[in-house]
């Protein structure tokens, strides 16, 4: 993989640019893998394990069939495998990736949630909707950012539900 661990540590701009690249690449691969997991056979035999929790909480982010762990875990490691990062960059990437997936499965929309200041970040609201609709071919497959769901229209039901919820909240 070309992993380096020697000093000096990479410049912060290198770390940030590599981690951003990893997020975009992971999101692209994860979207297609997760969408495939919602096909009838893969959902029934593999992905349904993860969806046993209709109301997820942080630890359920890692609760999945072993085949799913390998299948979607590939999306997390392909970026570093391509770039051969410094060990420090790899640690930053893995830490942010785990924090993101736990936050998305937390069931809470905290004031400090990245979705409050990163417009394309999905967060817990986005992913909670995915767990509520269970087996569906139209239901928020993205990992971190919502651009793939938006591009392919797989977030239409979520956006409708969110608009209805916002309108109902205004009438209270």
N, C-alpha and C. Protein backbone atom coordinates (compact mmCIF):
# COMPACT_ATOMS: atom_id res chain seq x y z
N UNK A 1 0.83 -1.19 0.00
CA UNK A 1 0.00 0.00 0.00
C UNK A 1 0.87 1.25 0.00
N UNK A 2 2.13 1.14 0.34
CA UNK A 2 3.02 2.30 0.33
C UNK A 2 2.90 3.17 1.55
N UNK A 3 2.38 2.63 2.64
CA UNK A 3 2.19 3.38 3.88
C UNK A 3 3.53 3.84 4.43
N UNK A 4 3.61 5.12 4.80
CA UNK A 4 4.82 5.69 5.37
C UNK A 4 4.57 6.04 6.83
N UNK A 5 5.60 5.93 7.66
CA UNK A 5 5.44 6.30 9.07
C UNK A 5 6.61 7.15 9.57
N UNK A 6 7.47 7.58 8.70
CA UNK A 6 8.65 8.34 9.11
C UNK A 6 8.31 9.81 9.34
N UNK A 7 9.19 10.47 10.08
CA UNK A 7 9.07 11.91 10.30
C UNK A 7 9.75 12.62 9.15
N UNK A 8 9.37 13.80 8.82
CA UNK A 8 8.34 14.62 9.45
C UNK A 8 6.93 14.18 9.03
N UNK A 9 5.96 14.61 9.81
CA UNK A 9 4.56 14.35 9.45
C UNK A 9 4.23 15.13 8.17
N UNK A 10 3.28 14.66 7.42
CA UNK A 10 2.91 15.40 6.20
C UNK A 10 2.32 16.76 6.55
N UNK A 11 2.48 17.70 5.63
CA UNK A 11 1.92 19.04 5.81
C UNK A 11 0.41 18.92 5.94
N UNK A 12 -0.21 19.82 6.70
CA UNK A 12 -1.65 19.73 6.94
C UNK A 12 -2.45 19.79 5.64
N UNK A 13 -1.95 20.49 4.64
CA UNK A 13 -2.67 20.56 3.36
C UNK A 13 -2.70 19.22 2.65
N UNK A 14 -1.64 18.44 2.82
CA UNK A 14 -1.59 17.10 2.24
C UNK A 14 -2.60 16.20 2.95
N UNK A 15 -2.62 16.28 4.27
CA UNK A 15 -3.57 15.47 5.06
C UNK A 15 -5.00 15.82 4.67
N UNK A 16 -5.33 17.10 4.63
CA UNK A 16 -6.69 17.54 4.31
C UNK A 16 -7.07 17.13 2.89
N UNK A 17 -6.19 17.34 1.93
CA UNK A 17 -6.54 17.00 0.54
C UNK A 17 -6.71 15.50 0.36
N UNK A 18 -5.86 14.69 0.99
CA UNK A 18 -6.01 13.24 0.88
C UNK A 18 -7.29 12.76 1.55
N UNK A 19 -7.60 13.28 2.73
CA UNK A 19 -8.82 12.87 3.44
C UNK A 19 -10.06 13.28 2.66
N UNK A 20 -10.05 14.47 2.06
CA UNK A 20 -11.19 14.89 1.22
C UNK A 20 -11.35 13.96 0.03
N UNK A 21 -10.24 13.59 -0.60
CA UNK A 21 -10.27 12.64 -1.71
C UNK A 21 -10.85 11.31 -1.24
N UNK A 22 -10.44 10.84 -0.06
CA UNK A 22 -10.94 9.58 0.47
C UNK A 22 -12.45 9.64 0.70
N UNK A 23 -12.94 10.77 1.24
CA UNK A 23 -14.38 10.91 1.48
C UNK A 23 -15.18 10.85 0.17
N UNK A 24 -14.71 11.57 -0.84
CA UNK A 24 -15.43 11.59 -2.12
C UNK A 24 -15.41 10.21 -2.77
N UNK A 25 -14.24 9.58 -2.80
CA UNK A 25 -14.13 8.25 -3.40
C UNK A 25 -14.94 7.22 -2.62
N UNK A 26 -14.84 7.26 -1.30
CA UNK A 26 -15.59 6.33 -0.46
C UNK A 26 -17.08 6.50 -0.67
N UNK A 27 -17.53 7.75 -0.76
CA UNK A 27 -18.95 8.02 -0.96
C UNK A 27 -19.45 7.44 -2.28
N UNK A 28 -18.66 7.61 -3.33
CA UNK A 28 -19.03 7.10 -4.64
C UNK A 28 -19.14 5.57 -4.62
N UNK A 29 -18.13 4.90 -4.10
CA UNK A 29 -18.12 3.43 -4.06
C UNK A 29 -19.20 2.91 -3.11
N UNK A 30 -19.32 3.55 -1.94
CA UNK A 30 -20.30 3.12 -0.95
C UNK A 30 -21.71 3.24 -1.51
N UNK A 31 -22.00 4.34 -2.19
CA UNK A 31 -23.34 4.54 -2.76
C UNK A 31 -23.73 3.35 -3.62
N UNK A 32 -22.87 2.98 -4.57
CA UNK A 32 -23.21 1.90 -5.49
C UNK A 32 -23.26 0.54 -4.78
N UNK A 33 -22.34 0.33 -3.83
CA UNK A 33 -22.37 -0.92 -3.07
C UNK A 33 -23.61 -1.03 -2.20
N UNK A 34 -23.97 0.08 -1.54
CA UNK A 34 -25.14 0.09 -0.66
C UNK A 34 -26.42 -0.06 -1.48
N UNK A 35 -26.44 0.58 -2.63
CA UNK A 35 -27.60 0.45 -3.51
C UNK A 35 -27.75 -0.99 -3.98
N UNK A 36 -26.64 -1.64 -4.29
CA UNK A 36 -26.67 -3.06 -4.68
C UNK A 36 -27.17 -3.93 -3.53
N UNK A 37 -26.81 -3.56 -2.30
CA UNK A 37 -27.26 -4.33 -1.14
C UNK A 37 -28.77 -4.24 -0.94
N UNK A 38 -29.41 -3.29 -1.59
CA UNK A 38 -30.86 -3.17 -1.50
C UNK A 38 -31.59 -3.86 -2.65
N UNK A 39 -30.86 -4.62 -3.45
CA UNK A 39 -31.55 -5.48 -4.41
C UNK A 39 -32.13 -6.64 -3.62
N UNK A 40 -33.14 -7.26 -4.17
CA UNK A 40 -33.93 -8.24 -3.41
C UNK A 40 -33.06 -9.34 -2.76
N UNK A 41 -32.21 -10.01 -3.54
CA UNK A 41 -31.46 -11.15 -3.01
C UNK A 41 -30.43 -10.71 -1.98
N UNK A 42 -29.65 -9.66 -2.29
CA UNK A 42 -28.62 -9.19 -1.35
C UNK A 42 -29.24 -8.63 -0.08
N UNK A 43 -30.38 -7.97 -0.21
CA UNK A 43 -31.03 -7.45 0.98
C UNK A 43 -31.46 -8.60 1.89
N UNK A 44 -32.13 -9.58 1.30
CA UNK A 44 -32.66 -10.70 2.08
C UNK A 44 -31.55 -11.49 2.77
N UNK A 45 -30.46 -11.75 2.08
CA UNK A 45 -29.42 -12.64 2.59
C UNK A 45 -28.24 -11.94 3.28
N UNK A 46 -28.11 -10.64 3.07
CA UNK A 46 -26.94 -9.95 3.63
C UNK A 46 -27.34 -8.68 4.40
N UNK A 47 -27.88 -7.70 3.70
CA UNK A 47 -28.08 -6.36 4.27
C UNK A 47 -29.20 -6.29 5.31
N UNK A 48 -30.11 -7.23 5.30
CA UNK A 48 -31.21 -7.20 6.27
C UNK A 48 -30.69 -7.29 7.70
N UNK A 49 -29.52 -7.87 7.91
CA UNK A 49 -28.93 -7.94 9.25
C UNK A 49 -28.73 -6.53 9.79
N UNK A 50 -28.17 -5.64 8.97
CA UNK A 50 -27.93 -4.27 9.40
C UNK A 50 -29.25 -3.54 9.66
N UNK A 51 -30.28 -3.88 8.91
CA UNK A 51 -31.57 -3.20 9.05
C UNK A 51 -32.46 -3.82 10.13
N UNK A 52 -31.95 -4.75 10.91
CA UNK A 52 -32.72 -5.26 12.04
C UNK A 52 -33.03 -4.13 13.02
N UNK A 53 -32.21 -3.10 13.00
CA UNK A 53 -32.43 -1.93 13.86
C UNK A 53 -33.10 -0.84 13.05
N UNK A 54 -34.41 -0.73 13.17
CA UNK A 54 -35.17 0.29 12.44
C UNK A 54 -34.91 1.67 13.02
N UNK A 55 -34.54 1.73 14.29
CA UNK A 55 -34.16 2.98 14.93
C UNK A 55 -32.72 2.83 15.38
N UNK A 56 -31.77 3.21 14.51
CA UNK A 56 -30.37 2.93 14.83
C UNK A 56 -29.82 3.80 15.95
N UNK A 57 -28.76 3.32 16.53
CA UNK A 57 -27.96 4.08 17.49
C UNK A 57 -26.51 3.82 17.14
N UNK A 58 -25.61 4.60 17.69
CA UNK A 58 -24.21 4.60 17.27
C UNK A 58 -23.57 3.27 16.97
N UNK A 59 -23.70 2.30 17.87
CA UNK A 59 -23.04 1.01 17.68
C UNK A 59 -23.63 0.19 16.52
N UNK A 60 -24.86 0.49 16.14
CA UNK A 60 -25.46 -0.27 15.03
C UNK A 60 -24.80 0.05 13.70
N UNK A 61 -24.00 1.11 13.67
CA UNK A 61 -23.30 1.44 12.43
C UNK A 61 -22.39 0.29 12.01
N UNK A 62 -21.89 -0.45 12.96
CA UNK A 62 -20.98 -1.55 12.66
C UNK A 62 -21.65 -2.92 12.73
N UNK A 63 -22.94 -2.94 13.02
CA UNK A 63 -23.68 -4.20 13.11
C UNK A 63 -24.14 -4.59 11.71
N UNK A 64 -23.48 -5.59 11.15
CA UNK A 64 -23.79 -6.00 9.77
C UNK A 64 -23.29 -7.42 9.53
N UNK A 65 -23.77 -8.01 8.47
CA UNK A 65 -23.33 -9.32 8.00
C UNK A 65 -21.84 -9.23 7.63
N UNK A 66 -21.04 -10.26 7.90
CA UNK A 66 -19.61 -10.21 7.55
C UNK A 66 -19.36 -9.89 6.07
N UNK A 67 -20.21 -10.39 5.18
CA UNK A 67 -20.04 -10.09 3.76
C UNK A 67 -20.23 -8.60 3.49
N UNK A 68 -21.15 -7.97 4.21
CA UNK A 68 -21.37 -6.54 4.05
C UNK A 68 -20.18 -5.75 4.57
N UNK A 69 -19.62 -6.17 5.69
CA UNK A 69 -18.44 -5.51 6.24
C UNK A 69 -17.31 -5.51 5.20
N UNK A 70 -17.09 -6.64 4.56
CA UNK A 70 -16.05 -6.72 3.54
C UNK A 70 -16.42 -5.90 2.30
N UNK A 71 -17.66 -6.02 1.89
CA UNK A 71 -18.15 -5.36 0.68
C UNK A 71 -18.05 -3.84 0.80
N UNK A 72 -18.59 -3.28 1.89
CA UNK A 72 -18.58 -1.84 2.06
C UNK A 72 -17.28 -1.34 2.68
N UNK A 73 -16.59 -2.20 3.40
CA UNK A 73 -15.29 -1.82 3.96
C UNK A 73 -14.28 -1.52 2.87
N UNK A 74 -14.44 -2.16 1.72
CA UNK A 74 -13.57 -1.89 0.58
C UNK A 74 -13.59 -0.41 0.23
N UNK A 75 -14.77 0.21 0.33
CA UNK A 75 -14.90 1.63 0.00
C UNK A 75 -14.04 2.50 0.91
N UNK A 76 -13.85 2.08 2.15
CA UNK A 76 -13.07 2.84 3.10
C UNK A 76 -11.57 2.72 2.85
N UNK A 77 -11.12 1.59 2.37
CA UNK A 77 -9.67 1.38 2.22
C UNK A 77 -9.13 1.64 0.82
N UNK A 78 -10.01 1.76 -0.17
CA UNK A 78 -9.52 1.92 -1.54
C UNK A 78 -8.74 3.23 -1.74
N UNK A 79 -9.19 4.32 -1.14
CA UNK A 79 -8.47 5.60 -1.26
C UNK A 79 -7.06 5.52 -0.73
N UNK A 80 -6.88 5.11 0.53
CA UNK A 80 -5.52 4.96 1.04
C UNK A 80 -4.69 3.95 0.24
N UNK A 81 -5.32 2.90 -0.26
CA UNK A 81 -4.58 1.92 -1.06
C UNK A 81 -4.06 2.55 -2.35
N UNK A 82 -4.79 3.50 -2.89
CA UNK A 82 -4.36 4.17 -4.12
C UNK A 82 -3.27 5.21 -3.90
N UNK A 83 -3.31 5.90 -2.75
CA UNK A 83 -2.39 7.01 -2.53
C UNK A 83 -1.17 6.67 -1.68
N UNK A 84 -1.20 5.57 -0.93
CA UNK A 84 -0.07 5.24 -0.06
C UNK A 84 0.23 6.36 0.92
N UNK A 85 -0.71 6.66 1.82
CA UNK A 85 -0.57 7.83 2.70
C UNK A 85 0.43 7.60 3.83
N UNK A 86 0.69 8.67 4.53
CA UNK A 86 1.44 8.59 5.78
C UNK A 86 0.51 7.95 6.81
N UNK A 87 1.07 7.24 7.76
CA UNK A 87 0.28 6.59 8.80
C UNK A 87 -0.61 7.60 9.54
N UNK A 88 -0.10 8.80 9.77
CA UNK A 88 -0.88 9.84 10.44
C UNK A 88 -2.15 10.16 9.64
N UNK A 89 -2.02 10.31 8.33
CA UNK A 89 -3.16 10.60 7.46
C UNK A 89 -4.16 9.46 7.51
N UNK A 90 -3.68 8.23 7.50
CA UNK A 90 -4.56 7.07 7.59
C UNK A 90 -5.33 7.08 8.91
N UNK A 91 -4.67 7.40 10.00
CA UNK A 91 -5.34 7.48 11.31
C UNK A 91 -6.42 8.56 11.30
N UNK A 92 -6.10 9.71 10.75
CA UNK A 92 -7.09 10.80 10.68
C UNK A 92 -8.29 10.33 9.86
N UNK A 93 -8.06 9.71 8.71
CA UNK A 93 -9.13 9.23 7.84
C UNK A 93 -10.01 8.21 8.56
N UNK A 94 -9.40 7.21 9.18
CA UNK A 94 -10.19 6.16 9.85
C UNK A 94 -10.97 6.75 11.02
N UNK A 95 -10.35 7.64 11.79
CA UNK A 95 -11.05 8.27 12.91
C UNK A 95 -12.26 9.07 12.43
N UNK A 96 -12.08 9.88 11.39
CA UNK A 96 -13.20 10.68 10.86
C UNK A 96 -14.28 9.79 10.27
N UNK A 97 -13.88 8.73 9.60
CA UNK A 97 -14.84 7.82 8.97
C UNK A 97 -15.70 7.12 10.03
N UNK A 98 -15.07 6.65 11.10
CA UNK A 98 -15.82 5.99 12.18
C UNK A 98 -16.72 6.99 12.89
N UNK A 99 -16.21 8.19 13.18
CA UNK A 99 -17.03 9.21 13.83
C UNK A 99 -18.24 9.56 12.96
N UNK A 100 -18.03 9.67 11.65
CA UNK A 100 -19.13 10.00 10.75
C UNK A 100 -20.20 8.92 10.75
N UNK A 101 -19.79 7.68 10.66
CA UNK A 101 -20.78 6.60 10.59
C UNK A 101 -21.52 6.42 11.91
N UNK A 102 -20.84 6.63 13.02
CA UNK A 102 -21.50 6.55 14.33
C UNK A 102 -22.48 7.73 14.47
N UNK A 103 -22.07 8.93 14.05
CA UNK A 103 -22.96 10.09 14.12
C UNK A 103 -24.19 9.89 13.24
N UNK A 104 -24.00 9.34 12.05
CA UNK A 104 -25.13 9.11 11.14
C UNK A 104 -26.11 8.10 11.70
N UNK A 105 -25.63 7.18 12.52
CA UNK A 105 -26.48 6.16 13.13
C UNK A 105 -26.90 6.52 14.56
N UNK A 106 -26.56 7.72 15.02
CA UNK A 106 -26.81 8.07 16.42
C UNK A 106 -28.28 8.32 16.73
N UNK A 107 -29.04 8.74 15.71
CA UNK A 107 -30.45 9.07 15.96
C UNK A 107 -30.64 10.46 16.53
N UNK A 108 -29.55 11.22 16.66
CA UNK A 108 -29.62 12.57 17.22
C UNK A 108 -29.10 13.59 16.22
N UNK A 109 -29.76 14.72 16.15
CA UNK A 109 -29.28 15.83 15.35
C UNK A 109 -28.75 16.87 16.33
N UNK A 110 -27.46 16.79 16.61
CA UNK A 110 -26.83 17.68 17.57
C UNK A 110 -26.60 19.07 16.97
N UNK A 111 -26.52 20.10 17.81
CA UNK A 111 -26.21 21.45 17.29
C UNK A 111 -24.86 21.50 16.58
N UNK A 112 -23.93 20.63 16.96
CA UNK A 112 -22.60 20.62 16.35
C UNK A 112 -22.50 19.61 15.19
N UNK A 113 -23.61 19.05 14.80
CA UNK A 113 -23.61 18.10 13.69
C UNK A 113 -23.07 18.77 12.43
N UNK A 114 -22.20 18.07 11.70
CA UNK A 114 -21.68 18.64 10.45
C UNK A 114 -22.78 19.03 9.46
N UNK A 115 -23.95 18.41 9.55
CA UNK A 115 -25.03 18.75 8.62
C UNK A 115 -25.55 20.17 8.85
N UNK A 116 -25.22 20.78 9.98
CA UNK A 116 -25.61 22.16 10.24
C UNK A 116 -24.74 23.17 9.50
N UNK A 117 -23.53 22.76 9.09
CA UNK A 117 -22.64 23.71 8.41
C UNK A 117 -22.01 23.17 7.13
N UNK A 118 -22.23 21.89 6.79
CA UNK A 118 -21.78 21.33 5.52
C UNK A 118 -23.02 20.97 4.71
N UNK A 119 -23.35 21.75 3.69
CA UNK A 119 -24.61 21.57 2.97
C UNK A 119 -24.81 20.18 2.36
N UNK A 120 -23.79 19.50 1.95
CA UNK A 120 -23.95 18.20 1.31
C UNK A 120 -23.83 17.02 2.26
N UNK A 121 -23.65 17.30 3.55
CA UNK A 121 -23.50 16.23 4.54
C UNK A 121 -24.87 15.67 4.91
N UNK A 122 -25.01 14.35 4.90
CA UNK A 122 -26.29 13.72 5.20
C UNK A 122 -26.66 13.75 6.66
N UNK A 123 -25.84 13.17 7.50
CA UNK A 123 -26.09 13.16 8.93
C UNK A 123 -27.16 12.19 9.37
N UNK A 124 -27.54 12.32 10.62
CA UNK A 124 -28.45 11.35 11.23
C UNK A 124 -29.88 11.42 10.68
N UNK A 125 -30.39 12.60 10.38
CA UNK A 125 -31.74 12.71 9.83
C UNK A 125 -31.85 11.95 8.51
N UNK A 126 -30.86 12.15 7.66
CA UNK A 126 -30.83 11.51 6.35
C UNK A 126 -30.77 9.99 6.49
N UNK A 127 -29.89 9.53 7.37
CA UNK A 127 -29.72 8.08 7.51
C UNK A 127 -30.86 7.43 8.32
N UNK A 128 -31.41 8.15 9.27
CA UNK A 128 -32.56 7.62 10.02
C UNK A 128 -33.72 7.33 9.08
N UNK A 129 -33.94 8.21 8.11
CA UNK A 129 -35.00 7.98 7.15
C UNK A 129 -34.75 6.67 6.41
N UNK A 130 -33.51 6.43 6.03
CA UNK A 130 -33.15 5.20 5.32
C UNK A 130 -33.52 3.97 6.16
N UNK A 131 -33.27 4.01 7.44
CA UNK A 131 -33.58 2.86 8.29
C UNK A 131 -35.08 2.71 8.53
N UNK A 132 -35.81 3.81 8.49
CA UNK A 132 -37.26 3.72 8.69
C UNK A 132 -37.97 3.08 7.51
N UNK A 133 -37.49 3.32 6.30
CA UNK A 133 -38.19 2.77 5.14
C UNK A 133 -37.77 1.34 4.83
N UNK A 134 -36.73 0.86 5.48
CA UNK A 134 -36.24 -0.52 5.33
C UNK A 134 -36.04 -0.91 3.87
N UNK A 135 -36.59 -2.04 3.43
CA UNK A 135 -36.32 -2.49 2.08
C UNK A 135 -37.01 -1.58 1.08
N UNK A 136 -36.23 -0.89 0.31
CA UNK A 136 -36.76 0.02 -0.70
C UNK A 136 -35.71 0.22 -1.77
N UNK A 137 -36.15 0.57 -2.93
CA UNK A 137 -35.21 0.89 -3.99
C UNK A 137 -35.03 2.41 -4.11
N UNK A 138 -35.70 3.15 -3.27
CA UNK A 138 -35.56 4.61 -3.28
C UNK A 138 -35.37 5.11 -1.85
N UNK A 139 -34.16 5.01 -1.35
CA UNK A 139 -34.02 5.43 0.02
C UNK A 139 -32.64 5.72 0.54
N UNK A 140 -32.02 6.82 0.12
CA UNK A 140 -30.81 7.34 0.76
C UNK A 140 -29.69 6.31 0.91
N UNK A 141 -28.96 6.07 -0.13
CA UNK A 141 -27.88 5.08 -0.10
C UNK A 141 -26.52 5.68 0.23
N UNK A 142 -26.40 6.98 0.25
CA UNK A 142 -25.11 7.64 0.45
C UNK A 142 -24.50 7.30 1.80
N UNK A 143 -23.20 7.44 1.84
CA UNK A 143 -22.46 7.21 3.06
C UNK A 143 -22.38 8.50 3.89
N UNK A 144 -21.72 9.50 3.35
CA UNK A 144 -21.48 10.74 4.08
C UNK A 144 -22.20 11.92 3.46
N UNK A 145 -22.00 12.12 2.17
CA UNK A 145 -22.56 13.26 1.47
C UNK A 145 -23.74 12.81 0.62
N UNK A 146 -24.64 13.73 0.33
CA UNK A 146 -25.90 13.37 -0.32
C UNK A 146 -25.90 13.58 -1.83
N UNK A 147 -24.77 13.97 -2.40
CA UNK A 147 -24.76 14.32 -3.83
C UNK A 147 -25.11 13.15 -4.73
N UNK A 148 -24.72 11.93 -4.39
CA UNK A 148 -25.02 10.78 -5.24
C UNK A 148 -26.53 10.49 -5.22
N UNK A 149 -27.15 10.56 -4.05
CA UNK A 149 -28.60 10.36 -3.96
C UNK A 149 -29.34 11.45 -4.73
N UNK A 150 -28.84 12.68 -4.65
CA UNK A 150 -29.47 13.78 -5.37
C UNK A 150 -29.32 13.56 -6.89
N UNK A 151 -28.10 13.21 -7.34
CA UNK A 151 -27.86 13.00 -8.77
C UNK A 151 -28.74 11.91 -9.37
N UNK A 152 -28.95 10.83 -8.61
CA UNK A 152 -29.69 9.69 -9.14
C UNK A 152 -31.14 9.63 -8.64
N UNK A 153 -31.57 10.67 -7.91
CA UNK A 153 -32.96 10.77 -7.50
C UNK A 153 -33.39 9.78 -6.43
N UNK A 154 -32.43 9.20 -5.72
CA UNK A 154 -32.78 8.21 -4.70
C UNK A 154 -33.06 8.86 -3.35
N UNK A 155 -33.15 10.17 -3.32
CA UNK A 155 -33.52 10.86 -2.09
C UNK A 155 -34.84 11.62 -2.23
N UNK A 156 -35.58 11.38 -3.31
CA UNK A 156 -36.82 12.13 -3.55
C UNK A 156 -37.84 11.94 -2.43
N UNK A 157 -38.02 10.71 -1.99
CA UNK A 157 -38.98 10.45 -0.91
C UNK A 157 -38.54 11.12 0.39
N UNK A 158 -37.25 11.10 0.66
CA UNK A 158 -36.73 11.77 1.86
C UNK A 158 -36.99 13.27 1.79
N UNK A 159 -36.69 13.88 0.64
CA UNK A 159 -36.90 15.32 0.50
C UNK A 159 -38.37 15.69 0.64
N UNK A 160 -39.27 14.84 0.11
CA UNK A 160 -40.71 15.08 0.27
C UNK A 160 -41.11 15.00 1.74
N UNK A 161 -40.64 13.95 2.42
CA UNK A 161 -40.97 13.77 3.84
C UNK A 161 -40.42 14.92 4.67
N UNK A 162 -39.22 15.37 4.35
CA UNK A 162 -38.62 16.47 5.09
C UNK A 162 -39.41 17.76 4.86
N UNK A 163 -39.83 18.01 3.62
CA UNK A 163 -40.63 19.21 3.32
C UNK A 163 -41.96 19.18 4.05
N UNK A 164 -42.60 18.02 4.11
CA UNK A 164 -43.87 17.89 4.85
C UNK A 164 -43.64 18.15 6.32
N UNK A 165 -42.57 17.59 6.87
CA UNK A 165 -42.25 17.80 8.29
C UNK A 165 -41.96 19.25 8.61
N UNK A 166 -41.22 19.93 7.72
CA UNK A 166 -40.92 21.35 7.94
C UNK A 166 -42.19 22.19 7.87
N UNK A 167 -43.08 21.88 6.91
CA UNK A 167 -44.34 22.62 6.79
C UNK A 167 -45.24 22.39 8.00
N UNK A 168 -45.28 21.16 8.50
CA UNK A 168 -46.10 20.87 9.68
C UNK A 168 -45.54 21.61 10.90
N UNK A 169 -44.22 21.70 11.00
CA UNK A 169 -43.60 22.40 12.12
C UNK A 169 -43.89 23.88 12.11
N UNK A 170 -44.03 24.48 10.91
CA UNK A 170 -44.34 25.90 10.80
C UNK A 170 -45.77 26.21 11.21
N UNK A 171 -46.64 25.22 11.06
CA UNK A 171 -48.05 25.45 11.39
C UNK A 171 -48.34 25.30 12.87
N UNK A 172 -47.37 24.82 13.64
CA UNK A 172 -47.62 24.60 15.07
C UNK A 172 -47.62 25.88 15.85
